Amino acid sequence: MIVLKIGGSIVADGLHLTTIHDLAEIAKKDKVVVVHGGAAEVTNTAAKLGKDQKFVVSPSGIRSRYTDLETSEIYTMVMSGKINKAIVRMFLREGLKAAGVAGIDGSMLRAERKKKLLIINEKGRKMVIDGGYTGRITYVDVSLIDTLLDKGYVPVISPIALGEEFEFLNVDGDRAAAYVAGAVKADKIILLTNVDGLILEGELITNITSDQVKAVLPQIGFGMEKKVLACTEAIEMGAKEAIIASGRKANPISEAISHQGCTVITL
């Protein structure tokens, strides 16, 4: 089984037909689950609705969206509506049997709401703020995923989790894919993004272990740091292999599976 995460940058550019055809061919031989991003489109839609977006930075330097109640509703609407259905439509148009679902459907993704967030303010000082509607995934129920796969569908999942009080929670797409991959014990989790993989000192790292990743984390930039951490989590939860690859190639999934021009992370 393969879990494929399509990053927001790839979604924004539009999926190339070769990518969809590539996925369709792979889905004939293997079960595939797709998780997608699309944060940039959330920001654009929020702006059109007159809702300013606030971003915060953690002490470790990770920048993320601050999700209040109104933002969580916009996030859910765009991710599970506009983006999810646009991807499903593209897949269906090219003959790929796909079904779009949100992480809340069937209680698939359950999460704990972050009560407090430790951030760095504009003056460079640490401060604690209300956690808003951002979640930390605690459990994945694979029942709906299994049902769709057994019926021959490719599940296309938006990263919206269900909180303890049944609220919509914004969860990171890479980590959502990691938790799904761990829950289904995927043979591979592939994160498609806008670069070839993990690049250190100007060179692409083609093979690295999860322990080695932790050793070089201080050298990894913010966006890629989240991806490699998600990969190590997926492996620790039971996925056999994690791959970070460019989604801008002609047949990106096949190339990633054959370890061409990408980063492969193993235990």
Protein backbone atom coordinates (compact mmCIF):
# COMPACT_ATOMS: atom_id res chain seq x y z
CA MET A 1 0.00 0.00 0.00
CA ILE A 2 1.13 3.54 -0.80
CA VAL A 3 0.13 6.74 0.99
CA LEU A 4 0.69 9.76 -1.25
CA LYS A 5 0.76 13.29 0.13
CA ILE A 6 0.25 15.99 -2.50
CA GLY A 7 1.69 19.22 -1.14
CA GLY A 8 -0.07 22.57 -1.32
CA SER A 9 2.50 23.94 -3.78
CA ILE A 10 1.71 21.10 -6.20
CA VAL A 11 -2.03 21.61 -5.74
CA ALA A 12 -1.64 25.33 -6.44
CA ASP A 13 0.27 24.64 -9.66
CA GLY A 14 -2.37 22.16 -10.82
CA LEU A 15 -1.75 18.45 -11.18
CA HIS A 16 -0.17 17.57 -14.51
CA LEU A 17 -1.92 14.89 -16.57
CA THR A 18 1.25 12.79 -16.51
CA THR A 19 1.07 12.75 -12.70
CA ILE A 20 -2.55 11.62 -12.75
CA HIS A 21 -1.86 8.99 -15.41
CA ASP A 22 1.14 7.86 -13.38
CA LEU A 23 -1.06 7.47 -10.31
CA ALA A 24 -3.74 5.64 -12.31
CA GLU A 25 -1.22 3.08 -13.52
CA ILE A 26 0.14 2.54 -10.01
CA ALA A 27 -3.39 2.20 -8.59
CA LYS A 28 -3.98 -0.73 -10.97
CA LYS A 29 -1.27 -2.70 -9.17
CA ASP A 30 -1.30 -1.33 -5.63
CA LYS A 31 -3.70 0.26 -3.18
CA VAL A 32 -3.18 4.03 -2.95
CA VAL A 33 -4.42 6.57 -0.40
CA VAL A 34 -4.03 10.29 -1.17
CA VAL A 35 -3.78 13.07 1.42
CA HIS A 36 -3.61 16.65 0.14
CA GLY A 37 -2.62 20.11 1.29
CA GLY A 38 -3.64 23.54 0.01
CA ALA A 39 -2.92 26.14 2.69
CA ALA A 40 -2.21 28.88 0.13
CA GLU A 41 -5.72 28.58 -1.27
CA VAL A 42 -7.12 28.83 2.28
CA THR A 43 -5.21 32.11 2.71
CA ASN A 44 -6.47 33.44 -0.65
CA THR A 45 -10.09 32.56 0.09
CA ALA A 46 -9.90 34.03 3.59
CA ALA A 47 -8.60 37.29 2.10
CA LYS A 48 -11.54 37.40 -0.33
CA LEU A 49 -13.88 36.92 2.63
CA GLY A 50 -12.17 39.76 4.51
CA LYS A 51 -10.68 37.49 7.16
CA ASP A 52 -7.08 38.40 7.93
CA GLN A 53 -4.84 35.39 8.51
CA LYS A 54 -2.43 35.35 11.42
CA PHE A 55 0.73 33.27 11.43
CA VAL A 56 2.77 32.44 14.51
CA VAL A 57 6.30 31.14 15.01
CA SER A 58 7.22 28.45 17.54
CA PRO A 59 10.42 28.61 19.63
CA SER A 60 11.94 26.05 17.23
CA GLY A 61 11.25 28.39 14.30
CA ILE A 62 8.24 26.61 12.78
CA ARG A 63 5.76 29.07 11.24
CA SER A 64 2.12 28.03 11.20
CA ARG A 65 -1.35 29.44 10.73
CA TYR A 66 -3.17 30.58 13.86
CA THR A 67 -6.60 28.99 13.59
CA ASP A 68 -9.41 30.75 15.42
CA LEU A 69 -13.02 29.56 15.09
CA GLU A 70 -13.82 31.53 11.93
CA THR A 71 -10.55 30.45 10.31
CA SER A 72 -11.28 26.80 11.16
CA GLU A 73 -14.59 27.10 9.31
CA ILE A 74 -12.91 28.67 6.27
CA TYR A 75 -10.12 26.07 6.40
CA THR A 76 -12.66 23.24 6.47
CA MET A 77 -14.71 24.77 3.64
CA VAL A 78 -11.72 25.26 1.32
CA MET A 79 -9.81 22.07 2.12
CA SER A 80 -12.73 19.64 2.20
CA GLY A 81 -14.80 21.45 -0.41
CA LYS A 82 -12.99 23.40 -3.10
CA ILE A 83 -9.58 21.70 -3.09
CA ASN A 84 -10.68 18.14 -2.31
CA LYS A 85 -13.38 18.11 -4.94
CA ALA A 86 -11.14 19.76 -7.54
CA ILE A 87 -8.60 16.94 -7.10
CA VAL A 88 -11.30 14.27 -7.24
CA ARG A 89 -12.73 15.83 -10.42
CA MET A 90 -9.30 15.79 -12.08
CA PHE A 91 -8.84 12.13 -11.12
CA LEU A 92 -12.30 11.11 -12.34
CA ARG A 93 -11.87 12.97 -15.62
CA GLU A 94 -8.77 10.92 -16.35
CA GLY A 95 -10.43 7.62 -15.49
CA LEU A 96 -9.11 7.21 -11.95
CA LYS A 97 -11.82 5.98 -9.57
CA ALA A 98 -11.56 8.41 -6.64
CA ALA A 99 -13.66 9.36 -3.62
CA GLY A 100 -13.07 12.57 -1.67
CA VAL A 101 -13.49 12.52 2.09
CA ALA A 102 -12.57 14.78 4.98
CA GLY A 103 -10.54 13.53 7.90
CA ILE A 104 -13.64 13.89 10.08
CA ASP A 105 -15.68 11.46 7.95
CA GLY A 106 -16.21 8.20 9.79
CA SER A 107 -14.18 9.71 12.66
CA MET A 108 -11.14 8.88 10.55
CA LEU A 109 -8.80 11.47 12.10
CA ARG A 110 -9.30 12.20 15.78
CA ALA A 111 -7.26 14.91 17.41
CA GLU A 112 -6.66 16.68 20.67
CA ARG A 113 -7.14 20.41 20.54
CA LYS A 114 -4.01 22.32 21.51
CA LYS A 115 -5.09 24.30 24.55
CA LYS A 116 -2.07 26.62 24.59
CA LEU A 117 0.61 27.60 22.10
CA LEU A 118 4.10 28.76 22.99
CA ILE A 119 5.19 31.29 20.38
CA ILE A 120 7.83 33.92 19.74
CA ASN A 121 6.32 37.41 19.52
CA GLU A 122 7.41 40.32 17.34
CA LYS A 123 9.97 41.35 19.97
CA GLY A 124 11.57 37.92 19.96
CA ARG A 125 10.16 36.96 23.34
CA LYS A 126 8.39 33.75 24.26
CA MET A 127 4.71 34.04 25.12
CA VAL A 128 1.76 31.69 25.62
CA ILE A 129 -1.47 32.20 23.69
CA ASP A 130 -4.74 30.30 23.38
CA GLY A 131 -4.34 27.24 21.15
CA GLY A 132 -7.31 28.05 18.93
CA TYR A 133 -8.58 25.26 16.67
CA THR A 134 -5.34 23.50 15.82
CA GLY A 135 -5.12 19.81 16.65
CA ARG A 136 -2.63 17.09 17.44
CA ILE A 137 -3.70 13.78 15.89
CA THR A 138 -4.27 11.09 18.51
CA TYR A 139 -5.96 8.29 16.56
CA VAL A 140 -6.70 7.12 13.02
CA ASP A 141 -9.71 4.90 12.33
CA VAL A 142 -8.95 3.10 9.06
CA SER A 143 -12.42 1.56 8.63
CA LEU A 144 -13.62 4.02 5.98
CA ILE A 145 -10.26 3.93 4.19
CA ASP A 146 -10.41 0.12 4.05
CA THR A 147 -14.00 0.18 2.79
CA LEU A 148 -13.15 2.56 -0.06
CA LEU A 149 -10.02 0.62 -1.01
CA ASP A 150 -11.90 -2.68 -0.98
CA LYS A 151 -14.44 -1.19 -3.40
CA GLY A 152 -11.67 -0.10 -5.75
CA TYR A 153 -11.63 3.61 -4.88
CA VAL A 154 -8.63 5.84 -4.27
CA PRO A 155 -9.49 7.77 -1.07
CA VAL A 156 -8.59 11.47 -1.31
CA ILE A 157 -8.39 12.85 2.23
CA SER A 158 -8.41 16.47 3.39
CA PRO A 159 -6.53 17.18 6.65
CA ILE A 160 -9.45 18.12 8.89
CA ALA A 161 -9.63 16.24 12.19
CA LEU A 162 -12.43 15.80 14.69
CA GLY A 163 -11.76 17.15 18.16
CA GLU A 164 -12.79 15.72 21.52
CA GLU A 165 -15.81 18.05 21.54
CA PHE A 166 -16.55 17.25 17.87
CA GLU A 167 -15.09 20.53 16.65
CA PHE A 168 -13.25 20.91 13.33
CA LEU A 169 -9.50 21.03 13.89
CA ASN A 170 -6.78 22.13 11.50
CA VAL A 171 -4.04 19.48 11.41
CA ASP A 172 -0.82 19.56 9.42
CA GLY A 173 -1.20 17.73 6.09
CA ASP A 174 2.21 16.06 6.21
CA ARG A 175 1.57 14.72 9.69
CA ALA A 176 -1.95 13.62 8.72
CA ALA A 177 -0.40 11.60 5.89
CA ALA A 178 2.19 10.21 8.32
CA TYR A 179 -0.45 9.05 10.78
CA VAL A 180 -2.53 7.48 8.02
CA ALA A 181 0.57 5.71 6.67
CA GLY A 182 1.38 4.42 10.12
CA ALA A 183 -2.17 3.24 10.74
CA VAL A 184 -2.42 1.29 7.46
CA LYS A 185 1.20 0.05 7.79
CA ALA A 186 2.01 1.45 4.36
CA ASP A 187 4.83 0.02 2.30
CA LYS A 188 5.66 3.57 1.26
CA ILE A 189 4.64 7.10 2.13
CA ILE A 190 5.53 9.56 -0.62
CA LEU A 191 5.48 13.31 0.00
CA LEU A 192 5.28 15.18 -3.30
CA THR A 193 6.51 18.75 -3.02
CA ASN A 194 8.14 21.46 -5.16
CA VAL A 195 11.76 20.33 -4.62
CA ASP A 196 13.62 17.07 -5.24
CA GLY A 197 13.93 16.20 -1.56
CA LEU A 198 16.13 17.01 1.40
CA ILE A 199 19.01 19.22 0.29
CA LEU A 200 21.95 19.89 2.61
CA GLU A 201 24.89 22.09 1.65
CA GLY A 202 23.61 22.24 -1.90
CA GLU A 203 23.41 18.47 -2.38
CA LEU A 204 20.39 16.18 -2.55
CA ILE A 205 20.42 13.59 0.22
CA THR A 206 19.28 10.40 -1.51
CA ASN A 207 19.30 8.01 1.48
CA ILE A 208 19.13 8.73 5.19
CA THR A 209 17.92 6.95 8.33
CA SER A 210 15.48 8.40 10.84
CA ASP A 211 18.28 8.62 13.42
CA GLN A 212 20.49 10.51 10.97
CA VAL A 213 17.61 12.88 10.21
CA LYS A 214 17.34 13.82 13.89
CA ALA A 215 21.06 14.58 13.98
CA VAL A 216 20.87 17.05 11.08
CA LEU A 217 17.55 18.71 11.99
CA PRO A 218 19.22 22.01 12.99
CA GLN A 219 20.52 22.32 9.41
CA ILE A 220 17.12 21.79 7.78
CA GLY A 221 14.91 24.73 6.81
CA PHE A 222 11.42 25.25 8.21
CA GLY A 223 9.27 23.83 5.39
CA MET A 224 11.42 20.74 4.85
CA GLU A 225 11.86 20.21 8.59
CA LYS A 226 8.15 19.45 8.97
CA LYS A 227 8.27 16.98 6.11
CA VAL A 228 11.26 14.99 7.37
CA LEU A 229 9.77 14.91 10.87
CA ALA A 230 6.50 13.58 9.41
CA CYS A 231 8.50 10.92 7.56
CA THR A 232 10.25 9.76 10.73
CA GLU A 233 6.91 9.63 12.55
CA ALA A 234 5.39 7.51 9.78
CA ILE A 235 8.28 5.05 9.97
CA GLU A 236 8.15 4.88 13.76
CA MET A 237 4.41 4.12 13.52
CA GLY A 238 4.85 1.25 11.09
CA ALA A 239 5.37 2.54 7.54
CA LYS A 240 8.28 0.72 5.89
CA GLU A 241 9.74 3.59 3.87
CA ALA A 242 9.28 7.34 3.46
CA ILE A 243 10.13 9.32 0.34
CA ILE A 244 10.27 13.07 -0.33
CA ALA A 245 10.18 13.86 -4.05
CA SER A 246 9.38 16.56 -6.57
CA GLY A 247 5.86 16.56 -7.97
CA ARG A 248 6.94 18.63 -10.97
CA LYS A 249 8.41 15.75 -12.96
CA ALA A 250 6.68 13.85 -15.75
CA ASN A 251 6.04 10.67 -13.74
CA PRO A 252 6.85 11.71 -10.17
CA ILE A 253 5.30 8.78 -8.32
CA SER A 254 6.94 6.07 -10.42
CA GLU A 255 10.28 7.85 -10.14
CA ALA A 256 9.89 8.13 -6.37
CA ILE A 257 9.03 4.44 -6.07
CA SER A 258 12.18 3.57 -8.05
CA HIS A 259 14.22 6.02 -5.90
CA GLN A 260 15.17 8.32 -8.77
CA GLY A 261 16.20 11.85 -7.77
CA CYS A 262 14.52 11.91 -4.37
CA THR A 263 15.20 11.43 -0.65
CA VAL A 264 14.49 8.01 0.85
CA ILE A 265 14.16 7.78 4.64
CA THR A 266 14.24 4.41 6.37
CA LEU A 267 14.44 3.14 9.93
